Structure formats: structure tokens, C-alpha cells
Amino acid sequence: MDVDVSIIAGSRSDMELVKRVENTLEELGVTFETRVMSCHRDFKVLDEYLSKASCKVFIAIAGLSAHLPGYVAARTKKPVIGIPVDKALGGLDSL
């Protein structure tokens, strides 16, 4: 399905913030899909998804060791928005 935005969360523990992002996109009329995939545990699945995703923009949400936004950005030419999760380093490691 073609969507405007693909939201990728690093783990289920990030779902509270994911829901807030989803609510905002719904209010704005932006189409989206949400996936939970770790760049540490599921990198092959994530790579396959990134190569086939038809979205215009990725939003990557991850806490603790927040490598997900950088990982996604390194594997696509599409824009990537990294959302800080206030865990390790106050979320600054995702920017």
C-alpha cells in the first residue's frame, strides 16, 4: 500500500510515542503505516522492508541505544525524521 509516511519503532516499548505520532498524522490527514523492527535484532527484515517501502518519508523512533534513525538514513535516499525517546542520553542519541 502506498502511504506518505512509514513509522518505524525500534521496539514495542516505544509504542506510547508511536501512538502520539500516529494521532498527529491522522489529524493532519497524512497516510501512514507503522512497523516495529530493530536494527540490532531484525536488520535483515528491516533492510528488506526499506528496499521495498513506497512511502515518501520515514519516521524512526527508538530509545536506549538509538541507532535506528541513522541506520534507516544510511539505507535510503528518502528523508528520515529521527524522534528522540527520553531514555539514554535524554534522547539526543537519536538525532
N, C-alpha and C. Protein backbone atom coordinates (compact mmCIF):
# COMPACT_ATOMS: atom_id res chain seq x y z
N MET A 1 0.84 -1.19 0.00
CA MET A 1 0.00 0.00 0.00
C MET A 1 0.88 1.25 0.00
N ASP A 2 0.58 2.19 -0.85
CA ASP A 2 1.33 3.45 -0.89
C ASP A 2 0.85 4.36 0.23
N VAL A 3 1.79 4.81 1.04
CA VAL A 3 1.50 5.73 2.13
C VAL A 3 2.48 6.89 2.06
N ASP A 4 2.12 7.98 2.72
CA ASP A 4 3.02 9.13 2.77
C ASP A 4 4.20 8.87 3.71
N VAL A 5 3.91 8.26 4.87
CA VAL A 5 4.91 8.12 5.93
C VAL A 5 4.97 6.69 6.43
N SER A 6 6.17 6.21 6.66
CA SER A 6 6.37 4.94 7.33
C SER A 6 6.98 5.22 8.70
N ILE A 7 6.26 4.83 9.74
CA ILE A 7 6.76 4.97 11.11
C ILE A 7 7.42 3.65 11.47
N ILE A 8 8.69 3.71 11.88
CA ILE A 8 9.40 2.51 12.30
C ILE A 8 9.82 2.70 13.75
N ALA A 9 9.35 1.81 14.61
CA ALA A 9 9.74 1.83 16.02
C ALA A 9 10.75 0.72 16.27
N GLY A 10 11.73 1.00 17.10
CA GLY A 10 12.75 0.01 17.40
C GLY A 10 12.27 -1.13 18.27
N SER A 11 11.26 -0.87 19.10
CA SER A 11 10.70 -1.93 19.95
C SER A 11 9.30 -1.53 20.41
N ARG A 12 8.60 -2.50 20.96
CA ARG A 12 7.24 -2.26 21.47
C ARG A 12 7.24 -1.25 22.62
N SER A 13 8.35 -1.12 23.31
CA SER A 13 8.41 -0.17 24.43
C SER A 13 8.30 1.28 23.96
N ASP A 14 8.43 1.51 22.67
CA ASP A 14 8.32 2.87 22.11
C ASP A 14 6.92 3.20 21.63
N MET A 15 5.96 2.31 21.86
CA MET A 15 4.62 2.46 21.29
C MET A 15 3.83 3.65 21.83
N GLU A 16 4.10 4.08 23.05
CA GLU A 16 3.39 5.25 23.57
C GLU A 16 3.68 6.47 22.70
N LEU A 17 4.94 6.66 22.35
CA LEU A 17 5.31 7.78 21.48
C LEU A 17 4.80 7.55 20.06
N VAL A 18 4.84 6.31 19.59
CA VAL A 18 4.33 5.97 18.26
C VAL A 18 2.86 6.38 18.15
N LYS A 19 2.07 6.08 19.17
CA LYS A 19 0.64 6.43 19.15
C LYS A 19 0.45 7.94 19.04
N ARG A 20 1.29 8.71 19.71
CA ARG A 20 1.18 10.17 19.62
C ARG A 20 1.48 10.65 18.20
N VAL A 21 2.49 10.06 17.58
CA VAL A 21 2.83 10.41 16.19
C VAL A 21 1.68 10.01 15.26
N GLU A 22 1.14 8.81 15.44
CA GLU A 22 0.02 8.35 14.62
C GLU A 22 -1.18 9.28 14.75
N ASN A 23 -1.49 9.69 15.98
CA ASN A 23 -2.63 10.60 16.20
C ASN A 23 -2.43 11.93 15.48
N THR A 24 -1.21 12.45 15.53
CA THR A 24 -0.92 13.71 14.85
C THR A 24 -1.06 13.57 13.34
N LEU A 25 -0.52 12.48 12.78
CA LEU A 25 -0.63 12.26 11.34
C LEU A 25 -2.08 12.10 10.91
N GLU A 26 -2.88 11.39 11.71
CA GLU A 26 -4.31 11.24 11.41
C GLU A 26 -5.01 12.59 11.39
N GLU A 27 -4.72 13.43 12.39
CA GLU A 27 -5.33 14.76 12.45
C GLU A 27 -4.98 15.59 11.21
N LEU A 28 -3.79 15.39 10.67
CA LEU A 28 -3.33 16.15 9.50
C LEU A 28 -3.75 15.50 8.18
N GLY A 29 -4.36 14.34 8.24
CA GLY A 29 -4.79 13.65 7.02
C GLY A 29 -3.64 13.01 6.25
N VAL A 30 -2.57 12.68 6.95
CA VAL A 30 -1.40 12.07 6.32
C VAL A 30 -1.53 10.55 6.43
N THR A 31 -1.36 9.86 5.30
CA THR A 31 -1.43 8.40 5.34
C THR A 31 -0.12 7.83 5.86
N PHE A 32 -0.23 6.73 6.62
CA PHE A 32 0.97 6.15 7.23
C PHE A 32 0.77 4.67 7.50
N GLU A 33 1.89 4.00 7.74
CA GLU A 33 1.88 2.64 8.24
C GLU A 33 2.92 2.58 9.35
N THR A 34 2.74 1.64 10.27
CA THR A 34 3.64 1.51 11.41
C THR A 34 4.23 0.11 11.45
N ARG A 35 5.52 0.05 11.66
CA ARG A 35 6.24 -1.22 11.80
C ARG A 35 7.11 -1.16 13.04
N VAL A 36 7.28 -2.30 13.69
CA VAL A 36 8.22 -2.42 14.81
C VAL A 36 9.34 -3.34 14.34
N MET A 37 10.54 -2.77 14.19
CA MET A 37 11.70 -3.53 13.71
C MET A 37 12.97 -2.96 14.32
N SER A 38 13.78 -3.82 14.85
CA SER A 38 15.04 -3.41 15.45
C SER A 38 16.16 -3.50 14.43
N CYS A 39 17.01 -2.48 14.40
CA CYS A 39 18.17 -2.55 13.51
C CYS A 39 19.26 -3.43 14.11
N HIS A 40 19.08 -3.84 15.36
CA HIS A 40 20.04 -4.74 16.01
C HIS A 40 19.60 -6.19 15.88
N ARG A 41 18.33 -6.47 16.15
CA ARG A 41 17.83 -7.85 16.16
C ARG A 41 17.26 -8.30 14.82
N ASP A 42 16.68 -7.37 14.06
CA ASP A 42 15.96 -7.72 12.83
C ASP A 42 16.52 -6.99 11.60
N PHE A 43 17.81 -6.78 11.54
CA PHE A 43 18.34 -5.91 10.48
C PHE A 43 18.08 -6.43 9.07
N LYS A 44 18.05 -7.74 8.88
CA LYS A 44 17.77 -8.26 7.53
C LYS A 44 16.33 -7.98 7.12
N VAL A 45 15.41 -8.15 8.07
CA VAL A 45 14.00 -7.84 7.81
C VAL A 45 13.84 -6.35 7.55
N LEU A 46 14.51 -5.54 8.35
CA LEU A 46 14.45 -4.09 8.19
C LEU A 46 15.02 -3.67 6.83
N ASP A 47 16.16 -4.22 6.45
CA ASP A 47 16.75 -3.89 5.15
C ASP A 47 15.81 -4.23 4.00
N GLU A 48 15.17 -5.38 4.09
CA GLU A 48 14.23 -5.78 3.03
C GLU A 48 13.05 -4.82 2.98
N TYR A 49 12.52 -4.46 4.15
CA TYR A 49 11.41 -3.51 4.20
C TYR A 49 11.82 -2.17 3.59
N LEU A 50 12.98 -1.65 3.98
CA LEU A 50 13.43 -0.35 3.49
C LEU A 50 13.61 -0.36 1.97
N SER A 51 14.05 -1.46 1.42
CA SER A 51 14.27 -1.53 -0.03
C SER A 51 12.96 -1.56 -0.82
N LYS A 52 11.87 -1.95 -0.16
CA LYS A 52 10.59 -2.08 -0.86
C LYS A 52 9.55 -1.03 -0.46
N ALA A 53 9.82 -0.27 0.58
CA ALA A 53 8.84 0.69 1.10
C ALA A 53 8.53 1.76 0.06
N SER A 54 7.25 2.04 -0.12
CA SER A 54 6.83 3.02 -1.12
C SER A 54 6.47 4.37 -0.50
N CYS A 55 6.81 4.57 0.75
CA CYS A 55 6.49 5.83 1.43
C CYS A 55 7.35 6.97 0.88
N LYS A 56 6.97 8.18 1.27
CA LYS A 56 7.74 9.36 0.88
C LYS A 56 8.75 9.75 1.95
N VAL A 57 8.43 9.43 3.22
CA VAL A 57 9.25 9.82 4.37
C VAL A 57 9.23 8.70 5.40
N PHE A 58 10.36 8.50 6.08
CA PHE A 58 10.42 7.58 7.21
C PHE A 58 10.49 8.38 8.50
N ILE A 59 9.78 7.92 9.52
CA ILE A 59 9.94 8.43 10.87
C ILE A 59 10.45 7.27 11.70
N ALA A 60 11.65 7.42 12.27
CA ALA A 60 12.27 6.36 13.05
C ALA A 60 12.28 6.74 14.52
N ILE A 61 11.71 5.86 15.35
CA ILE A 61 11.57 6.11 16.78
C ILE A 61 12.27 5.00 17.53
N ALA A 62 13.25 5.37 18.36
CA ALA A 62 13.96 4.35 19.14
C ALA A 62 14.56 4.96 20.39
N GLY A 63 14.54 4.20 21.45
CA GLY A 63 15.15 4.62 22.70
C GLY A 63 16.39 3.80 22.99
N LEU A 64 16.86 3.93 24.22
CA LEU A 64 18.09 3.26 24.66
C LEU A 64 19.21 3.58 23.68
N SER A 65 19.77 2.63 23.01
CA SER A 65 20.81 2.88 22.02
C SER A 65 20.10 3.21 20.71
N ALA A 66 19.91 4.47 20.44
CA ALA A 66 19.02 4.91 19.35
C ALA A 66 19.73 4.98 18.01
N HIS A 67 20.13 3.84 17.49
CA HIS A 67 20.79 3.80 16.20
C HIS A 67 19.83 3.76 15.02
N LEU A 68 18.56 3.49 15.28
CA LEU A 68 17.59 3.28 14.21
C LEU A 68 17.50 4.43 13.20
N PRO A 69 17.37 5.70 13.62
CA PRO A 69 17.27 6.77 12.62
C PRO A 69 18.48 6.83 11.69
N GLY A 70 19.67 6.69 12.24
CA GLY A 70 20.88 6.71 11.41
C GLY A 70 20.98 5.51 10.50
N TYR A 71 20.57 4.36 11.02
CA TYR A 71 20.58 3.12 10.24
C TYR A 71 19.66 3.26 9.03
N VAL A 72 18.45 3.76 9.27
CA VAL A 72 17.48 3.94 8.19
C VAL A 72 18.02 4.97 7.18
N ALA A 73 18.56 6.07 7.66
CA ALA A 73 19.08 7.12 6.77
C ALA A 73 20.22 6.61 5.90
N ALA A 74 21.01 5.69 6.43
CA ALA A 74 22.14 5.16 5.67
C ALA A 74 21.70 4.21 4.56
N ARG A 75 20.45 3.76 4.62
CA ARG A 75 19.98 2.75 3.67
C ARG A 75 18.87 3.24 2.73
N THR A 76 18.62 4.54 2.73
CA THR A 76 17.59 5.07 1.83
C THR A 76 17.99 6.47 1.38
N LYS A 77 17.43 6.88 0.26
CA LYS A 77 17.62 8.25 -0.21
C LYS A 77 16.43 9.12 0.18
N LYS A 78 15.43 8.51 0.80
CA LYS A 78 14.24 9.24 1.24
C LYS A 78 14.55 9.97 2.55
N PRO A 79 13.81 11.05 2.83
CA PRO A 79 14.02 11.75 4.09
C PRO A 79 13.70 10.86 5.29
N VAL A 80 14.48 11.04 6.35
CA VAL A 80 14.29 10.29 7.60
C VAL A 80 14.21 11.29 8.74
N ILE A 81 13.15 11.19 9.53
CA ILE A 81 12.99 12.01 10.72
C ILE A 81 13.25 11.12 11.92
N GLY A 82 14.22 11.48 12.74
CA GLY A 82 14.52 10.73 13.97
C GLY A 82 13.78 11.37 15.13
N ILE A 83 13.00 10.57 15.85
CA ILE A 83 12.25 11.07 17.01
C ILE A 83 12.97 10.63 18.28
N PRO A 84 13.43 11.58 19.09
CA PRO A 84 14.10 11.21 20.33
C PRO A 84 13.14 10.60 21.34
N VAL A 85 13.56 9.55 21.98
CA VAL A 85 12.83 8.95 23.09
C VAL A 85 13.67 9.22 24.33
N ASP A 86 13.06 9.79 25.34
CA ASP A 86 13.80 10.21 26.53
C ASP A 86 14.22 9.00 27.36
N LYS A 87 15.29 8.37 26.94
CA LYS A 87 15.86 7.24 27.69
C LYS A 87 17.35 7.50 27.82
N ALA A 88 18.17 6.82 27.07
CA ALA A 88 19.62 7.05 27.13
C ALA A 88 19.94 8.43 26.58
N LEU A 89 20.78 9.16 27.25
CA LEU A 89 21.23 10.49 26.83
C LEU A 89 20.09 11.47 26.61
N GLY A 90 18.96 11.25 27.25
CA GLY A 90 17.82 12.15 27.11
C GLY A 90 17.25 12.20 25.71
N GLY A 91 17.52 11.18 24.90
CA GLY A 91 17.01 11.13 23.54
C GLY A 91 17.92 11.76 22.50
N LEU A 92 18.99 12.43 22.93
CA LEU A 92 19.87 13.11 21.98
C LEU A 92 20.60 12.15 21.05
N ASP A 93 20.74 10.89 21.45
CA ASP A 93 21.46 9.94 20.61
C ASP A 93 20.70 9.55 19.35
N SER A 94 19.44 9.93 19.22
CA SER A 94 18.68 9.60 18.01
C SER A 94 18.75 10.70 16.97
N LEU A 95 19.32 11.84 17.32
CA LEU A 95 19.38 12.97 16.38
C LEU A 95 20.64 12.95 15.54
